[in-house]
C-alpha atoms as a PDB file:
ATOM      1  CA  MET A   1      21.163   7.544 -32.839  1.00  0.00           C
ATOM      2  CA  THR A   2      18.491   9.065 -34.322  1.00  0.00           C
ATOM      3  CA  ARG A   3      17.356   5.704 -35.977  1.00  0.00           C
ATOM      4  CA  ASP A   4      16.957   4.227 -32.261  1.00  0.00           C
ATOM      5  CA  VAL A   5      14.863   7.182 -31.172  1.00  0.00           C
ATOM      6  CA  VAL A   6      12.567   6.646 -34.603  1.00  0.00           C
ATOM      7  CA  ARG A   7      12.461   3.098 -33.415  1.00  0.00           C
ATOM      8  CA  LEU A   8      11.251   3.500 -29.935  1.00  0.00           C
ATOM      9  CA  LEU A   9       8.571   6.171 -31.076  1.00  0.00           C
ATOM     10  CA  CYS A  10       7.304   3.686 -33.660  1.00  0.00           C
ATOM     11  CA  ILE A  11       6.833   1.324 -31.029  1.00  0.00           C
ATOM     12  CA  GLY A  12       5.666   3.203 -28.770  1.00  0.00           C
ATOM     13  CA  LEU A  13       3.078   4.516 -30.899  1.00  0.00           C
ATOM     14  CA  ILE A  14       1.690   1.331 -31.650  1.00  0.00           C
ATOM     15  CA  VAL A  15       1.132   0.601 -28.250  1.00  0.00           C
ATOM     16  CA  THR A  16      -0.800   3.268 -27.597  1.00  0.00           C
ATOM     17  CA  LEU A  17      -2.999   2.865 -30.926  1.00  0.00           C
ATOM     18  CA  SER A  18      -3.411  -1.152 -29.998  1.00  0.00           C
ATOM     19  CA  ALA A  19      -5.235   0.011 -26.893  1.00  0.00           C
ATOM     20  CA  PHE A  20      -8.220   2.003 -29.297  1.00  0.00           C
ATOM     21  CA  VAL A  21      -8.228  -1.231 -31.794  1.00  0.00           C
ATOM     22  CA  PRO A  22     -11.838  -2.828 -30.636  1.00  0.00           C
ATOM     23  CA  ALA A  23     -11.744  -6.445 -29.237  1.00  0.00           C
ATOM     24  CA  SER A  24     -12.258  -9.523 -31.532  1.00  0.00           C
ATOM     25  CA  ARG A  25     -15.635 -10.971 -31.585  1.00  0.00           C
ATOM     26  CA  ALA A  26     -14.206 -14.374 -30.194  1.00  0.00           C
ATOM     27  CA  GLN A  27     -12.957 -11.911 -27.083  1.00  0.00           C
ATOM     28  CA  GLN A  28     -16.549 -10.328 -26.911  1.00  0.00           C
ATOM     29  CA  SER A  29     -18.545 -13.579 -26.406  1.00  0.00           C
ATOM     30  CA  ALA A  30     -16.307 -14.448 -23.206  1.00  0.00           C
ATOM     31  CA  LYS A  31     -18.452 -11.479 -21.507  1.00  0.00           C
ATOM     32  CA  ALA A  32     -21.586 -12.335 -19.837  1.00  0.00           C
ATOM     33  CA  THR A  33     -24.661 -10.824 -21.731  1.00  0.00           C
ATOM     34  CA  LYS A  34     -27.402 -10.096 -19.131  1.00  0.00           C
ATOM     35  CA  VAL A  35     -30.322 -12.243 -20.521  1.00  0.00           C
ATOM     36  CA  LYS A  36     -33.616 -12.927 -18.991  1.00  0.00           C
ATOM     37  CA  GLN A  37     -34.494 -16.738 -19.105  1.00  0.00           C
ATOM     38  CA  VAL A  38     -37.801 -17.067 -20.177  1.00  0.00           C
ATOM     39  CA  THR A  39     -38.402 -21.010 -20.157  1.00  0.00           C
ATOM     40  CA  GLY A  40     -36.477 -24.352 -20.239  1.00  0.00           C
ATOM     41  CA  LEU A  41     -33.293 -24.388 -18.429  1.00  0.00           C
ATOM     42  CA  VAL A  42     -33.111 -27.370 -15.669  1.00  0.00           C
ATOM     43  CA  GLY A  43     -32.965 -25.980 -11.962  1.00  0.00           C
ATOM     44  CA  VAL A  44     -33.911 -22.646 -13.310  1.00  0.00           C
ATOM     45  CA  ASN A  45     -37.377 -20.921 -12.773  1.00  0.00           C
ATOM     46  CA  ASN A  46     -38.962 -19.136 -15.731  1.00  0.00           C
ATOM     47  CA  ASN A  47     -38.765 -15.735 -16.244  1.00  0.00           C
ATOM     48  CA  THR A  48     -35.318 -15.358 -14.389  1.00  0.00           C
ATOM     49  CA  GLY A  49     -32.980 -12.747 -15.007  1.00  0.00           C
ATOM     50  CA  GLY A  50     -29.250 -13.585 -15.097  1.00  0.00           C
ATOM     51  CA  SER A  51     -26.271 -13.665 -16.959  1.00  0.00           C
ATOM     52  CA  LEU A  52     -25.253 -15.804 -20.246  1.00  0.00           C
ATOM     53  CA  SER A  53     -21.875 -16.561 -21.467  1.00  0.00           C
ATOM     54  CA  VAL A  54     -19.971 -19.036 -23.564  1.00  0.00           C
ATOM     55  CA  ASP A  55     -17.335 -20.143 -21.412  1.00  0.00           C
ATOM     56  CA  GLY A  56     -14.897 -23.019 -22.749  1.00  0.00           C
ATOM     57  CA  ALA A  57     -17.073 -25.370 -24.319  1.00  0.00           C
ATOM     58  CA  ASN A  58     -20.512 -24.571 -21.955  1.00  0.00           C
ATOM     59  CA  LEU A  59     -23.245 -22.021 -22.582  1.00  0.00           C
ATOM     60  CA  HIS A  60     -23.165 -20.977 -18.722  1.00  0.00           C
ATOM     61  CA  PHE A  61     -26.246 -19.002 -17.386  1.00  0.00           C
ATOM     62  CA  THR A  62     -25.939 -17.241 -13.671  1.00  0.00           C
ATOM     63  CA  SER A  63     -28.585 -15.988 -11.404  1.00  0.00           C
ATOM     64  CA  ASP A  64     -29.059 -15.182  -7.742  1.00  0.00           C
ATOM     65  CA  GLN A  65     -31.071 -18.245  -8.003  1.00  0.00           C
ATOM     66  CA  GLY A  66     -28.264 -20.472  -9.151  1.00  0.00           C
ATOM     67  CA  LYS A  67     -26.467 -21.408 -12.294  1.00  0.00           C
ATOM     68  CA  ALA A  68     -27.142 -23.714 -15.010  1.00  0.00           C
ATOM     69  CA  ASP A  69     -23.946 -25.203 -17.833  1.00  0.00           C
ATOM     70  CA  VAL A  70     -25.080 -26.670 -21.206  1.00  0.00           C
ATOM     71  CA  PRO A  71     -22.363 -28.215 -22.995  1.00  0.00           C
ATOM     72  CA  ALA A  72     -21.929 -26.814 -26.541  1.00  0.00           C
ATOM     73  CA  ASN A  73     -21.760 -29.968 -27.948  1.00  0.00           C
ATOM     74  CA  ALA A  74     -25.102 -31.045 -26.502  1.00  0.00           C
ATOM     75  CA  VAL A  75     -26.889 -27.953 -28.250  1.00  0.00           C
ATOM     76  CA  GLU A  76     -28.581 -29.873 -31.443  1.00  0.00           C
ATOM     77  CA  ASP A  77     -30.052 -26.599 -32.491  1.00  0.00           C
ATOM     78  CA  VAL A  78     -29.818 -22.441 -31.932  1.00  0.00           C
ATOM     79  CA  ILE A  79     -31.922 -20.399 -33.524  1.00  0.00           C
ATOM     80  CA  THR A  80     -31.889 -16.313 -33.116  1.00  0.00           C
ATOM     81  CA  GLY A  81     -34.694 -14.023 -33.305  1.00  0.00           C
ATOM     82  CA  ASN A  82     -36.105 -10.242 -32.958  1.00  0.00           C
ATOM     83  CA  ASP A  83     -39.284  -9.839 -30.836  1.00  0.00           C
ATOM     84  CA  SER A  84     -40.785  -7.180 -29.118  1.00  0.00           C
ATOM     85  CA  GLN A  85     -42.666  -6.525 -25.775  1.00  0.00           C
ATOM     86  CA  ARG A  86     -44.434  -4.130 -23.910  1.00  0.00           C
ATOM     87  CA  LEU A  87     -43.120  -0.758 -23.033  1.00  0.00           C
ATOM     88  CA  ILE A  88     -45.285  -0.558 -19.676  1.00  0.00           C
ATOM     89  CA  HIS A  89     -45.795  -4.210 -18.209  1.00  0.00           C
ATOM     90  CA  GLY A  90     -46.290  -5.910 -14.606  1.00  0.00           C
ATOM     91  CA  THR A  91     -48.954  -4.280 -12.398  1.00  0.00           C
ATOM     92  CA  LEU A  92     -48.691  -0.728 -13.991  1.00  0.00           C
ATOM     93  CA  GLY A  93     -48.971  -2.387 -17.433  1.00  0.00           C
ATOM     94  CA  THR A  94     -52.367  -4.325 -16.081  1.00  0.00           C
ATOM     95  CA  LEU A  95     -53.708  -1.077 -14.600  1.00  0.00           C
ATOM     96  CA  THR A  96     -53.427   0.524 -18.144  1.00  0.00           C
ATOM     97  CA  MET A  97     -56.371  -1.476 -19.439  1.00  0.00           C
ATOM     98  CA  PHE A  98     -58.765   0.408 -16.974  1.00  0.00           C
ATOM     99  CA  ALA A  99     -57.881   3.646 -18.728  1.00  0.00           C
ATOM    100  CA  PRO A 100     -60.936   5.734 -19.485  1.00  0.00           C
ATOM    101  CA  TYR A 101     -61.294   5.998 -23.440  1.00  0.00           C
ATOM    102  CA  GLU A 102     -59.688   3.073 -24.632  1.00  0.00           C
ATOM    103  CA  SER A 103     -56.648   4.769 -23.702  1.00  0.00           C
ATOM    104  CA  GLY A 104     -54.993   1.720 -22.387  1.00  0.00           C
ATOM    105  CA  ARG A 105     -54.829   0.214 -25.514  1.00  0.00           C
ATOM    106  CA  PHE A 106     -52.835   2.865 -26.903  1.00  0.00           C
ATOM    107  CA  LEU A 107     -50.627   2.408 -24.189  1.00  0.00           C
ATOM    108  CA  SER A 108     -49.824  -1.106 -24.965  1.00  0.00           C
ATOM    109  CA  LEU A 109     -48.853  -0.218 -28.390  1.00  0.00           C
ATOM    110  CA  PHE A 110     -45.535   1.557 -26.802  1.00  0.00           C
ATOM    111  CA  ARG A 111     -43.129  -1.687 -27.401  1.00  0.00           C
ATOM    112  CA  THR A 112     -39.432  -2.330 -27.228  1.00  0.00           C
ATOM    113  CA  LYS A 113     -37.078  -4.245 -29.392  1.00  0.00           C
ATOM    114  CA  LEU A 114     -35.342  -7.465 -27.824  1.00  0.00           C
ATOM    115  CA  ASP A 115     -33.435 -10.337 -28.948  1.00  0.00           C
ATOM    116  CA  THR A 116     -34.189 -14.101 -28.347  1.00  0.00           C
ATOM    117  CA  LEU A 117     -31.785 -17.073 -28.491  1.00  0.00           C
ATOM    118  CA  THR A 118     -33.680 -20.448 -28.471  1.00  0.00           C
ATOM    119  CA  ILE A 119     -31.831 -23.524 -28.034  1.00  0.00           C
ATOM    120  CA  LYS A 120     -32.204 -27.241 -28.071  1.00  0.00           C
ATOM    121  CA  TYR A 121     -30.517 -29.626 -26.336  1.00  0.00           C
ATOM    122  CA  ARG A 122     -30.368 -33.376 -25.007  1.00  0.00           C
ATOM    123  CA  ASP A 123     -28.825 -33.583 -20.978  1.00  0.00           C
ATOM    124  CA  THR A 124     -26.571 -36.060 -19.763  1.00  0.00           C
ATOM    125  CA  ASP A 125     -29.378 -39.135 -19.747  1.00  0.00           C
ATOM    126  CA  GLY A 126     -30.319 -37.965 -23.401  1.00  0.00           C
ATOM    127  CA  GLY A 127     -33.158 -36.138 -22.808  1.00  0.00           C
ATOM    128  CA  LEU A 128     -34.450 -33.387 -24.807  1.00  0.00           C
ATOM    129  CA  HIS A 129     -34.616 -30.150 -23.479  1.00  0.00           C
ATOM    130  CA  GLY A 130     -35.437 -26.649 -25.056  1.00  0.00           C
ATOM    131  CA  ALA A 131     -34.441 -23.134 -23.382  1.00  0.00           C
ATOM    132  CA  VAL A 132     -35.612 -19.553 -24.564  1.00  0.00           C
ATOM    133  CA  PHE A 133     -33.721 -16.504 -23.986  1.00  0.00           C
ATOM    134  CA  THR A 134     -34.224 -12.513 -24.198  1.00  0.00           C
ATOM    135  CA  MET A 135     -31.843 -10.003 -24.383  1.00  0.00           C
ATOM    136  CA  GLY A 136     -30.662  -6.466 -25.725  1.00  0.00           C
ATOM    137  CA  VAL A 137     -30.624  -6.207 -29.467  1.00  0.00           C
ATOM    138  CA  GLY A 138     -27.936  -7.189 -31.114  1.00  0.00           C
ATOM    139  CA  LYS A 139     -26.630  -9.672 -28.488  1.00  0.00           C
ATOM    140  CA  ALA A 140     -27.911 -13.033 -29.352  1.00  0.00           C
ATOM    141  CA  GLU A 141     -26.064 -13.386 -32.903  1.00  0.00           C
ATOM    142  CA  VAL A 142     -23.084 -12.900 -30.994  1.00  0.00           C
ATOM    143  CA  LEU A 143     -23.700 -15.628 -28.130  1.00  0.00           C
ATOM    144  CA  LYS A 144     -24.915 -17.824 -31.662  1.00  0.00           C
ATOM    145  CA  LYS A 145     -21.598 -17.497 -33.094  1.00  0.00           C
ATOM    146  CA  ALA A 146     -19.329 -18.522 -29.984  1.00  0.00           C
ATOM    147  CA  LEU A 147     -21.760 -21.769 -29.371  1.00  0.00           C
ATOM    148  CA  LEU A 148     -21.494 -22.454 -33.080  1.00  0.00           C
ATOM    149  CA  ALA A 149     -17.362 -22.549 -32.754  1.00  0.00           C
ATOM    150  CA  GLN A 150     -17.521 -24.297 -30.085  1.00  0.00           C
ATOM    151  CA  GLY A 151     -19.473 -27.185 -31.309  1.00  0.00           C
ATOM    152  CA  ALA A 152     -23.103 -26.701 -31.229  1.00  0.00           C
ATOM    153  CA  ARG A 153     -25.263 -27.076 -34.203  1.00  0.00           C
ATOM    154  CA  THR A 154     -27.911 -25.167 -36.079  1.00  0.00           C
ATOM    155  CA  THR A 155     -30.621 -25.329 -38.715  1.00  0.00           C
ATOM    156  CA  VAL A 156     -30.493 -21.565 -39.262  1.00  0.00           C
ATOM    157  CA  PRO A 157     -27.250 -20.519 -40.752  1.00  0.00           C
ATOM    158  CA  VAL A 158     -25.536 -17.518 -39.696  1.00  0.00           C
ATOM    159  CA  GLN A 159     -26.300 -14.655 -42.092  1.00  0.00           C
ATOM    160  CA  GLU A 160     -23.875 -14.330 -44.825  1.00  0.00           C
ATOM    161  CA  GLY A 161     -21.023 -11.720 -45.175  1.00  0.00           C
ATOM    162  CA  SER A 162     -20.388 -12.036 -41.213  1.00  0.00           C
ATOM    163  CA  ASP A 163     -16.780 -12.816 -39.977  1.00  0.00           C
ATOM    164  CA  ALA A 164     -17.993 -15.856 -37.774  1.00  0.00           C
ATOM    165  CA  ALA A 165     -17.170 -19.501 -38.332  1.00  0.00           C
ATOM    166  CA  PRO A 166     -19.467 -21.185 -40.933  1.00  0.00           C
ATOM    167  CA  ALA A 167     -22.488 -22.978 -39.321  1.00  0.00           C
ATOM    168  CA  LYS A 168     -22.878 -26.749 -38.724  1.00  0.00           C
ATOM    169  CA  GLU A 169     -26.012 -27.616 -40.363  1.00  0.00           C
ATOM    170  CA  GLN A 170     -27.960 -30.286 -38.442  1.00  0.00           C
ATOM    171  CA  LYS A 171     -28.779 -33.306 -40.696  1.00  0.00           C
ATOM    172  CA  PRO A 172     -32.662 -34.801 -40.784  1.00  0.00           C
END
């Protein structure tokens, strides 16, 4: 009888602890990432905010204006990078240029960090396209790994020591 009680307690403990185990990277990449499509997607205006995810074998961009899908196997190159943007932008950022004693230039030094994801892909007619996305820090590499796992290629391999699938290098 005590063995059955111990087994039930162990099973209950395992089930309870499994709720606290973080999801794998493959599951994390399925979540949509909030991005800004700077340029490049056919049918989507430049500087459009939306969400980007890798669903099945497609890179899927969705915004209020519409959506666009790029098959992962049509992606010839995936490149990630780090960048920054002005903290104060828009009309207020422009107006800071007129601040006295060059304080506007000082205000333009305040910047926020972001990640970039650049893809080069071919459409169904064989036309070459490129698209650039910006997103929060640490999100681009996850999307790159998910694309590579679905058949995309890259000229810049994934960093060593990561637990993603090895990058498929494009041959010239």
